[in-house]
Protein backbone atom coordinates (compact mmCIF):
# COMPACT_ATOMS: atom_id res chain seq x y z
CA MET A 1 -68.98 34.30 -41.97
CA THR A 2 -70.64 36.57 -44.45
CA ASP A 3 -74.24 35.85 -45.42
CA ARG A 4 -74.80 35.83 -49.10
CA THR A 5 -77.90 37.43 -50.20
CA ARG A 6 -79.56 36.55 -53.39
CA ARG A 7 -81.27 39.06 -55.64
CA ALA A 8 -84.80 38.44 -56.55
CA PRO A 9 -85.38 37.49 -60.25
CA LEU A 10 -86.93 39.85 -62.62
CA SER A 11 -90.67 39.98 -62.96
CA ASN A 12 -92.30 38.04 -65.83
CA ARG A 13 -92.76 41.17 -67.99
CA ALA A 14 -89.21 42.34 -67.18
CA ALA A 15 -87.83 38.95 -67.97
CA ASP A 16 -89.60 38.93 -71.36
CA TRP A 17 -88.33 42.28 -72.33
CA ASN A 18 -84.77 41.23 -71.27
CA LEU A 19 -85.13 37.94 -73.39
CA ALA A 20 -86.33 40.03 -76.43
CA LEU A 21 -83.24 42.28 -75.85
CA VAL A 22 -80.97 39.15 -75.55
CA TRP A 23 -82.30 37.94 -78.99
CA VAL A 24 -81.80 41.37 -80.55
CA VAL A 25 -78.19 41.49 -79.46
CA ILE A 26 -77.49 37.90 -80.73
CA VAL A 27 -78.99 38.70 -84.12
CA ILE A 28 -76.89 41.87 -84.34
CA GLY A 29 -73.91 39.83 -83.21
CA LEU A 30 -74.38 37.30 -85.99
CA LEU A 31 -74.75 39.92 -88.60
CA THR A 32 -71.63 41.57 -87.34
CA ALA A 33 -69.79 38.17 -87.55
CA ILE A 34 -70.85 37.88 -91.21
CA GLY A 35 -69.46 41.39 -91.77
CA CYS A 36 -66.31 40.64 -89.95
CA VAL A 37 -65.64 37.55 -91.93
CA GLY A 38 -66.26 39.61 -95.12
CA PHE A 39 -63.89 42.18 -93.90
CA ILE A 40 -61.06 39.60 -93.26
CA LEU A 41 -61.91 37.88 -96.67
CA ASN A 42 -61.39 41.21 -98.47
CA GLU A 43 -58.18 41.89 -96.76
CA SER A 44 -56.98 38.32 -97.42
CA MET A 45 -57.72 38.76 -101.04
CA THR A 46 -55.97 42.20 -101.19
CA SER A 47 -52.88 40.56 -99.48
CA TYR A 48 -53.06 37.55 -101.94
CA ALA A 49 -53.14 40.01 -104.83
CA THR A 50 -50.28 41.97 -103.50
CA CYS A 51 -48.25 38.74 -102.88
CA SER A 52 -48.99 37.46 -106.38
CA VAL A 53 -46.63 39.91 -107.89
CA ARG A 54 -43.37 38.19 -108.60
CA ASN A 55 -40.93 40.50 -106.61
CA ALA A 56 -43.28 40.96 -103.64
CA GLY A 57 -41.66 39.90 -100.43
CA CYS A 58 -44.38 37.93 -98.65
CA ARG A 59 -43.37 35.75 -95.76
CA SER A 60 -45.77 32.94 -95.52
CA ASP A 61 -49.28 31.78 -96.17
CA ALA A 62 -50.06 31.29 -92.54
CA GLY A 63 -51.65 34.73 -92.14
CA TRP A 64 -54.64 33.85 -94.52
CA TYR A 65 -55.42 30.55 -92.75
CA SER A 66 -55.15 31.78 -89.16
CA SER A 67 -57.01 35.04 -89.60
CA MET A 68 -59.89 33.41 -91.29
CA GLY A 69 -60.07 30.71 -88.78
CA LEU A 70 -60.03 33.01 -85.91
CA THR A 71 -62.73 35.29 -87.25
CA LEU A 72 -65.05 32.59 -88.69
CA PHE A 73 -64.94 29.92 -86.11
CA GLY A 74 -63.93 31.87 -83.02
CA GLY A 75 -66.12 34.80 -83.85
CA PHE A 76 -69.19 32.82 -84.44
CA ALA A 77 -68.43 30.52 -81.39
CA SER A 78 -68.29 33.49 -79.15
CA VAL A 79 -71.48 34.99 -80.29
CA ILE A 80 -73.38 31.79 -80.13
CA THR A 81 -71.89 30.60 -76.81
CA CYS A 82 -72.38 33.90 -74.95
CA GLY A 83 -75.88 34.19 -76.54
CA ALA A 84 -76.98 30.67 -75.08
CA VAL A 85 -75.63 31.80 -71.79
CA GLY A 86 -77.55 34.97 -72.02
CA ILE A 87 -80.71 33.17 -72.93
CA ARG A 88 -80.35 30.91 -69.92
CA ARG A 89 -79.78 33.88 -67.71
CA HIS A 90 -82.66 36.18 -69.12
CA THR A 91 -84.36 36.13 -65.65
CA ARG A 92 -81.59 38.12 -64.11
CA ARG A 93 -80.52 41.70 -64.82
CA SER A 94 -77.09 40.54 -66.12
CA GLY A 95 -78.64 38.18 -68.84
CA VAL A 96 -78.03 40.75 -71.72
CA LEU A 97 -74.46 41.29 -70.65
CA TYR A 98 -73.45 37.94 -71.93
CA PRO A 99 -74.34 38.59 -75.60
CA VAL A 100 -72.67 41.80 -75.42
CA ALA A 101 -69.46 40.32 -74.19
CA GLY A 102 -69.60 37.65 -77.10
CA LEU A 103 -69.98 40.71 -79.52
CA GLY A 104 -66.86 42.18 -78.03
CA GLY A 105 -65.19 38.85 -78.17
CA LEU A 106 -66.04 38.78 -81.97
CA LEU A 107 -64.58 42.29 -82.51
CA PHE A 108 -61.49 41.32 -80.45
CA LEU A 109 -60.93 38.15 -82.55
CA THR A 110 -61.41 40.10 -85.82
CA ALA A 111 -58.73 42.68 -84.73
CA VAL A 112 -56.39 39.90 -83.74
CA GLY A 113 -57.01 38.04 -87.03
CA TYR A 114 -56.21 41.31 -88.95
CA VAL A 115 -53.10 41.90 -87.22
CA LEU A 116 -52.01 38.39 -87.80
CA LEU A 117 -52.75 38.54 -91.37
CA LYS A 118 -50.68 41.74 -91.90
CA VAL A 119 -47.74 40.60 -89.72
CA LEU A 120 -47.53 36.95 -91.16
CA THR A 121 -47.89 37.97 -94.71
CA GLY A 122 -45.90 41.10 -94.56
CA THR A 123 -48.21 43.22 -96.55
């Protein structure tokens, strides 16, 4: 049987700095989420304009709805959820890693939304 050792929590001053850093990363994540939604909206409008030409061979409208839903709801949900976990764990060293993971999830969902938009609309 192995004995599981627990790490000591951060000092009060270090925990305060960690909490401030968590909030900074959350705010950066929310601003990035707004930028990602704007990027997907711009790409959707470009695809829509391309598909509005009579002889353009667009496949379906599913790309517009799925890409915006992934980026808007999934992106904000990942940033907010991981940010909340990071706030709860700010007394440990790993507290700031949760909002960073949420930011990574946002960027991943934006990339998936972009690929879905391009593949499903055929533009």
